[in-house]
Amino acid sequence: MSSDNKERIIQEYVPGKQVTLAHMICHPKPELCTLIGVESSGAIGIMTITPGEGAIIAADIASKAGAVTMDFIDRFTGCILFTGDVSAVESSLTTTVRTLNEVLGFFKAPITRT
């Protein structure tokens, strides 16, 4: 292909209703907690929701489903981060993914953990 005939690709972001990430970090090292700006805890829950405004709904569900502390909510990127003991974070992730799927019709991601 000559430099005059460069192939161009246009990418567009078309939001669907989905949970793109639902992950639990069990027993994070204190250094990780410090680096991301959260109190040291038993577990960290991380979710990414599309569209971004869904993060508000997800944060509401997660905060009611378990004794977790909401540490970060971004309605523009759809990211939420919360902390608590392992069982509370797991309960919050499970309930949030299930509710978004069953009640609001979001596609769900598997809940992963490290």
Protein backbone atom coordinates (compact mmCIF):
# COMPACT_ATOMS: atom_id res chain seq x y z
CA MET A 1 0.00 0.00 0.00
CA SER A 2 1.42 3.37 -0.91
CA SER A 3 1.53 6.20 1.56
CA ASP A 4 -1.27 7.88 -0.42
CA ASN A 5 -3.63 4.95 0.09
CA LYS A 6 -3.47 4.37 3.83
CA GLU A 7 -6.19 2.20 5.28
CA ARG A 8 -8.16 4.02 7.92
CA ILE A 9 -10.25 2.40 10.61
CA ILE A 10 -12.95 4.25 12.49
CA GLN A 11 -13.85 2.89 15.90
CA GLU A 12 -16.97 3.94 17.71
CA TYR A 13 -18.04 3.31 21.28
CA VAL A 14 -21.59 2.03 21.34
CA PRO A 15 -22.61 1.34 24.90
CA GLY A 16 -24.69 -1.67 25.70
CA LYS A 17 -26.02 -2.61 29.09
CA GLN A 18 -23.39 -4.87 30.56
CA VAL A 19 -21.16 -5.68 33.48
CA THR A 20 -17.76 -5.84 31.81
CA LEU A 21 -15.74 -6.68 34.92
CA ALA A 22 -16.63 -8.05 38.35
CA HIS A 23 -13.53 -9.01 40.30
CA MET A 24 -12.59 -9.59 43.92
CA ILE A 25 -9.06 -9.24 45.25
CA CYS A 26 -8.89 -11.35 48.42
CA HIS A 27 -6.48 -10.35 51.17
CA PRO A 28 -4.68 -7.57 49.26
CA LYS A 29 -1.24 -6.60 50.43
CA PRO A 30 -1.13 -3.32 52.38
CA GLU A 31 1.12 -1.82 49.69
CA LEU A 32 -1.59 -2.33 47.06
CA CYS A 33 -4.18 -0.69 49.29
CA THR A 34 -1.88 2.28 49.83
CA LEU A 35 -1.15 2.62 46.12
CA ILE A 36 -4.83 2.68 45.15
CA GLY A 37 -5.83 4.83 48.11
CA VAL A 38 -8.04 2.50 50.14
CA GLU A 39 -7.90 1.33 53.74
CA SER A 40 -6.39 -2.11 54.20
CA SER A 41 -9.20 -4.67 54.28
CA GLY A 42 -10.04 -8.32 53.72
CA ALA A 43 -11.05 -7.81 50.10
CA ILE A 44 -11.44 -5.27 47.32
CA GLY A 45 -14.34 -5.44 44.87
CA ILE A 46 -13.89 -3.90 41.43
CA MET A 47 -16.61 -3.53 38.81
CA THR A 48 -16.92 -1.83 35.45
CA ILE A 49 -20.40 -1.14 34.15
CA THR A 50 -21.54 0.06 30.73
CA PRO A 51 -23.10 2.58 30.35
CA GLY A 52 -21.14 4.51 32.97
CA GLU A 53 -24.26 5.81 34.71
CA GLY A 54 -25.00 2.20 35.64
CA ALA A 55 -22.19 2.51 38.18
CA ILE A 56 -24.50 4.61 40.34
CA ILE A 57 -27.11 1.83 40.38
CA ALA A 58 -24.44 -0.84 40.91
CA ALA A 59 -22.94 1.09 43.82
CA ASP A 60 -26.36 1.41 45.43
CA ILE A 61 -27.02 -2.34 45.10
CA ALA A 62 -23.53 -3.30 46.31
CA SER A 63 -23.69 -1.01 49.33
CA LYS A 64 -27.02 -2.51 50.40
CA ALA A 65 -26.01 -6.13 49.77
CA GLY A 66 -23.07 -6.29 52.16
CA ALA A 67 -21.17 -4.38 54.81
CA VAL A 68 -18.82 -2.73 52.33
CA THR A 69 -17.30 0.73 52.10
CA MET A 70 -17.64 2.50 48.77
CA ASP A 71 -14.18 3.82 47.95
CA PHE A 72 -14.61 5.01 44.36
CA ILE A 73 -17.52 5.58 41.97
CA ASP A 74 -17.06 7.07 38.51
CA ARG A 75 -20.26 7.59 36.57
CA PHE A 76 -18.29 8.54 33.45
CA THR A 77 -16.14 5.39 33.15
CA GLY A 78 -18.54 3.09 34.99
CA CYS A 79 -15.94 2.00 37.52
CA ILE A 80 -16.76 1.24 41.15
CA LEU A 81 -14.41 0.04 43.87
CA PHE A 82 -15.41 -1.08 47.34
CA THR A 83 -13.79 -2.78 50.29
CA GLY A 84 -14.81 -4.98 53.19
CA ASP A 85 -14.30 -8.47 54.50
CA VAL A 86 -14.20 -11.29 51.95
CA SER A 87 -17.77 -12.49 52.53
CA ALA A 88 -19.24 -8.96 52.34
CA VAL A 89 -17.41 -8.13 49.10
CA GLU A 90 -18.40 -11.48 47.59
CA SER A 91 -22.03 -10.97 48.59
CA SER A 92 -22.03 -7.46 47.14
CA LEU A 93 -20.51 -8.57 43.84
CA THR A 94 -22.87 -11.54 43.49
CA THR A 95 -26.00 -9.58 44.35
CA THR A 96 -25.06 -6.64 42.14
CA VAL A 97 -24.29 -8.75 39.07
CA ARG A 98 -27.45 -10.82 39.56
CA THR A 99 -29.70 -7.78 40.09
CA LEU A 100 -28.30 -5.86 37.12
CA ASN A 101 -28.85 -8.95 34.97
CA GLU A 102 -32.28 -10.09 36.19
CA VAL A 103 -33.95 -6.76 36.95
CA LEU A 104 -32.34 -4.35 34.47
CA GLY A 105 -31.42 -6.73 31.64
CA PHE A 106 -27.66 -6.15 31.74
CA PHE A 107 -25.38 -8.79 30.26
CA LYS A 108 -23.25 -10.17 33.05
CA ALA A 109 -19.60 -10.96 33.39
CA PRO A 110 -18.38 -13.86 35.49
CA ILE A 111 -17.20 -12.93 38.96
CA THR A 112 -13.48 -13.55 39.15
CA ARG A 113 -11.12 -13.52 42.11
CA THR A 114 -7.44 -13.44 42.95
